[in-house]
Amino acid sequence: MQTWKIYTRREDPVSHVNNFEKQTNLQGVKDNVCCRIFPGTLSDISQQWFFKLDPGTITYWDTFVRLFYSQFFPTRIPLAELNELVDIKQGLNEPLKDYVQRFMQEDARSKMVSDEGKLMANKAGIQIKGPIWTDLRRKTIYSTRELLDQADEFIKLEEAIRRADQANQAGTSTTVPTKDNGAPNQNQNQITNSNGNENNNGQKSGKRNNNSNGGNN
């Protein structure tokens, strides 16, 4: 039977969430099930906050985590800075590179947020069901640096796919001109052959003229 670490308000809330996610990811637990399990990892005192929430407040795991941090995050860390990072989300068609740049720009202003907080916020902002999101669900990332290294691989892949698409589009529009300006087409071959035959005929005609002239002499 699975045993969970209990949060008693003396522990770091980010570490508690990270440990919980590591265990649920290894077991393939879905987000909606996480929302049901997580309250069981809270002590009786901590659960009082959960039971005071209005029904329907928690609909997604990310929402649950944000509310949990808002309630229990240490006062020595400016909560507003963490909330600002958590609010950064990757757009539906936004390239991963653009999202990471936006996040890192905001991250540069968040001097007091721990690396665990930044890691949580960065992962939460990645588009759900995207390629890197799926990959992160199968792996355990321990630091923001490790996450950025992983993102860099997907950014390179996205850019390679975009360049290939642009090349295909350019190739489609210039196929005909390139072919005409490149190797000779069939009509050009026919002209060359025709000229060749004319030259050969000219040479043969010259020989006949020489022979006729010789005969006259």
Protein backbone atom coordinates (compact mmCIF):
# COMPACT_ATOMS: atom_id res chain seq x y z
CA MET A 1 0.00 0.00 0.00
CA GLN A 2 1.31 3.44 -0.95
CA THR A 3 2.46 5.61 1.93
CA TRP A 4 2.58 9.38 1.53
CA LYS A 5 4.64 11.97 3.36
CA ILE A 6 2.37 14.12 5.51
CA TYR A 7 2.53 17.88 5.32
CA THR A 8 2.32 19.38 8.81
CA ARG A 9 3.03 23.03 7.89
CA ARG A 10 6.60 22.72 9.14
CA GLU A 11 7.86 21.35 5.82
CA ASP A 12 8.64 23.24 2.62
CA PRO A 13 5.39 23.19 0.58
CA VAL A 14 7.29 23.10 -2.74
CA SER A 15 9.27 20.05 -1.66
CA HIS A 16 6.07 18.38 -0.50
CA VAL A 17 4.40 18.91 -3.89
CA ASN A 18 7.51 17.80 -5.79
CA ASN A 19 7.79 14.58 -3.77
CA PHE A 20 4.10 13.92 -4.29
CA GLU A 21 4.39 14.46 -8.06
CA LYS A 22 7.43 12.19 -8.30
CA GLN A 23 5.51 9.32 -6.74
CA THR A 24 2.33 9.87 -8.75
CA ASN A 25 4.27 10.22 -12.02
CA LEU A 26 6.06 6.94 -11.42
CA GLN A 27 2.71 5.25 -10.90
CA GLY A 28 1.06 6.95 -13.87
CA VAL A 29 -1.57 8.68 -11.73
CA LYS A 30 -3.66 11.18 -13.69
CA ASP A 31 -4.12 14.78 -12.62
CA ASN A 32 -7.77 14.41 -11.63
CA VAL A 33 -6.84 11.50 -9.36
CA CYS A 34 -4.03 13.56 -7.84
CA CYS A 35 -6.64 16.09 -6.74
CA ARG A 36 -8.40 13.34 -4.78
CA ILE A 37 -5.26 11.86 -3.25
CA PHE A 38 -3.42 15.03 -2.24
CA PRO A 39 -5.72 16.05 0.65
CA GLY A 40 -4.78 12.75 2.29
CA THR A 41 -1.16 13.95 2.47
CA LEU A 42 -2.14 16.88 4.70
CA SER A 43 -2.20 16.79 8.46
CA ASP A 44 -5.48 17.39 10.29
CA ILE A 45 -4.63 21.05 10.84
CA SER A 46 -3.62 21.54 7.21
CA GLN A 47 -6.79 19.85 5.99
CA GLN A 48 -8.91 22.48 7.72
CA TRP A 49 -7.91 24.89 4.94
CA PHE A 50 -8.91 22.38 2.28
CA PHE A 51 -12.37 21.72 3.75
CA LYS A 52 -13.09 25.45 3.88
CA LEU A 53 -12.73 25.79 0.11
CA ASP A 54 -15.94 26.35 -1.82
CA PRO A 55 -17.21 23.32 -3.76
CA GLY A 56 -15.97 23.33 -7.33
CA THR A 57 -12.98 25.54 -6.52
CA ILE A 58 -10.50 22.87 -7.57
CA THR A 59 -10.97 21.59 -11.10
CA TYR A 60 -7.36 20.97 -12.16
CA TRP A 61 -4.22 19.84 -10.42
CA ASP A 62 -2.41 23.07 -11.31
CA THR A 63 -5.20 25.01 -9.58
CA PHE A 64 -4.87 22.84 -6.49
CA VAL A 65 -1.11 23.45 -6.33
CA ARG A 66 -1.51 27.21 -6.76
CA LEU A 67 -4.07 27.40 -3.94
CA PHE A 68 -1.90 25.21 -1.73
CA TYR A 69 1.11 27.49 -2.23
CA SER A 70 -1.00 30.58 -1.63
CA GLN A 71 -2.02 29.18 1.73
CA PHE A 72 1.18 27.61 3.01
CA PHE A 73 4.11 29.24 1.24
CA PRO A 74 6.62 30.70 3.75
CA THR A 75 6.12 34.39 4.41
CA ARG A 76 9.85 35.01 4.02
CA ILE A 77 9.45 34.43 0.25
CA PRO A 78 7.42 37.07 -1.60
CA LEU A 79 4.36 35.14 -2.69
CA ALA A 80 3.49 37.73 -5.33
CA GLU A 81 6.66 36.87 -7.22
CA LEU A 82 5.84 33.17 -7.27
CA ASN A 83 2.26 33.86 -8.37
CA GLU A 84 3.58 35.97 -11.25
CA LEU A 85 5.69 33.04 -12.43
CA VAL A 86 2.81 30.60 -12.05
CA ASP A 87 0.59 32.86 -14.15
CA ILE A 88 2.93 32.62 -17.15
CA LYS A 89 1.43 30.12 -19.57
CA GLN A 90 2.51 28.94 -22.99
CA GLY A 91 0.08 30.03 -25.70
CA LEU A 92 -1.75 27.48 -27.84
CA ASN A 93 0.43 28.06 -30.92
CA GLU A 94 3.33 29.75 -29.15
CA PRO A 95 6.76 28.26 -29.91
CA LEU A 96 8.46 26.73 -26.89
CA LYS A 97 11.42 29.09 -27.39
CA ASP A 98 9.19 32.17 -27.01
CA TYR A 99 7.54 30.79 -23.88
CA VAL A 100 10.90 30.00 -22.24
CA GLN A 101 12.20 33.48 -23.04
CA ARG A 102 9.11 35.12 -21.51
CA PHE A 103 9.42 32.97 -18.41
CA MET A 104 13.12 33.67 -17.97
CA GLN A 105 12.56 37.43 -18.33
CA GLU A 106 10.06 37.32 -15.48
CA ASP A 107 12.25 34.89 -13.56
CA ALA A 108 15.09 37.43 -13.59
CA ARG A 109 12.88 39.72 -11.46
CA SER A 110 12.01 36.98 -8.95
CA LYS A 111 15.12 37.04 -6.79
CA MET A 112 13.58 35.47 -3.71
CA VAL A 113 11.77 32.51 -5.29
CA SER A 114 13.50 29.19 -4.67
CA ASP A 115 14.65 27.01 -7.54
CA GLU A 116 11.97 24.50 -6.63
CA GLY A 117 9.33 27.21 -6.95
CA LYS A 118 10.68 28.27 -10.33
CA LEU A 119 10.76 24.67 -11.51
CA MET A 120 7.16 24.11 -10.44
CA ALA A 121 5.97 27.31 -12.13
CA ASN A 122 7.88 26.61 -15.36
CA LYS A 123 6.50 23.09 -15.66
CA ALA A 124 2.98 24.27 -14.88
CA GLY A 125 3.12 26.84 -17.67
CA ILE A 126 4.04 24.41 -20.45
CA GLN A 127 1.20 23.66 -22.83
CA ILE A 128 -0.65 20.53 -21.75
CA LYS A 129 -0.39 17.56 -24.13
CA GLY A 130 2.49 19.22 -26.00
CA PRO A 131 5.62 17.17 -26.89
CA ILE A 132 7.77 18.38 -24.00
CA TRP A 133 4.84 18.15 -21.55
CA THR A 134 4.43 14.47 -22.47
CA ASP A 135 8.16 13.90 -22.09
CA LEU A 136 8.27 15.58 -18.68
CA ARG A 137 5.48 13.32 -17.46
CA ARG A 138 7.79 10.36 -18.01
CA LYS A 139 10.86 11.90 -16.38
CA THR A 140 11.79 13.36 -13.03
CA ILE A 141 13.33 16.83 -13.28
CA TYR A 142 15.14 18.06 -10.19
CA SER A 143 16.20 21.61 -11.12
CA THR A 144 15.35 24.54 -13.36
CA ARG A 145 18.70 24.11 -15.15
CA GLU A 146 17.80 20.51 -15.98
CA LEU A 147 14.40 21.60 -17.27
CA LEU A 148 15.94 24.28 -19.49
CA ASP A 149 18.40 21.76 -20.92
CA GLN A 150 15.49 19.46 -21.72
CA ALA A 151 13.55 22.34 -23.28
CA ASP A 152 16.55 23.27 -25.43
CA GLU A 153 16.41 19.88 -27.16
CA PHE A 154 12.74 20.41 -28.05
CA ILE A 155 13.41 23.98 -29.18
CA LYS A 156 16.06 22.71 -31.62
CA LEU A 157 13.58 20.12 -32.89
CA GLU A 158 10.85 22.73 -33.39
CA GLU A 159 13.21 25.01 -35.30
CA ALA A 160 14.42 22.16 -37.51
CA ILE A 161 10.82 21.26 -38.38
CA ARG A 162 10.02 24.91 -39.12
CA ARG A 163 13.04 25.23 -41.42
CA ALA A 164 12.07 22.05 -43.24
CA ASP A 165 8.52 23.33 -43.75
CA GLN A 166 9.82 26.63 -45.10
CA ALA A 167 12.17 24.82 -47.44
CA ASN A 168 9.34 22.63 -48.73
CA GLN A 169 7.15 25.67 -49.36
CA ALA A 170 9.96 27.46 -51.16
CA GLY A 171 10.76 24.37 -53.21
CA THR A 172 7.17 24.04 -54.37
CA SER A 173 7.02 27.59 -55.70
CA THR A 174 10.38 27.44 -57.50
CA THR A 175 10.39 23.93 -58.88
CA VAL A 176 9.42 24.87 -62.42
CA PRO A 177 11.82 27.84 -62.82
CA THR A 178 14.68 25.84 -61.39
CA LYS A 179 14.06 23.01 -63.77
CA ASP A 180 13.91 25.33 -66.83
CA ASN A 181 17.08 27.19 -65.83
CA GLY A 182 19.00 24.08 -64.92
CA ALA A 183 19.65 21.00 -67.03
CA PRO A 184 18.48 21.25 -70.65
CA ASN A 185 14.95 20.08 -71.24
CA GLN A 186 13.76 17.77 -73.98
CA ASN A 187 13.27 20.55 -76.55
CA GLN A 188 16.81 21.81 -75.96
CA ASN A 189 18.15 18.30 -76.57
CA GLN A 190 16.24 18.13 -79.82
CA ILE A 191 17.71 21.45 -80.96
CA THR A 192 21.21 20.25 -80.12
CA ASN A 193 20.69 17.05 -82.04
CA SER A 194 19.30 18.98 -84.99
CA ASN A 195 22.30 21.29 -85.06
CA GLY A 196 24.59 18.32 -84.82
CA ASN A 197 22.94 16.69 -87.82
CA GLU A 198 23.22 19.89 -89.80
CA ASN A 199 26.94 20.10 -89.06
CA ASN A 200 27.43 16.53 -90.12
CA ASN A 201 25.47 17.13 -93.28
CA GLY A 202 27.56 20.22 -93.93
CA GLN A 203 30.73 18.19 -93.63
CA LYS A 204 29.40 15.55 -95.96
CA SER A 205 28.36 18.18 -98.46
CA GLY A 206 31.87 19.62 -98.34
CA LYS A 207 33.35 16.23 -99.15
CA ARG A 208 31.08 15.84 -102.15
CA ASN A 209 32.10 19.29 -103.41
CA ASN A 210 35.79 18.40 -103.10
CA ASN A 211 35.26 15.20 -105.03
CA SER A 212 33.35 16.98 -107.76
CA ASN A 213 36.05 19.63 -108.02
CA GLY A 214 38.71 16.97 -108.23
CA GLY A 215 36.83 15.28 -111.06
CA ASN A 216 36.66 18.48 -113.07
CA ASN A 217 40.39 18.93 -112.73
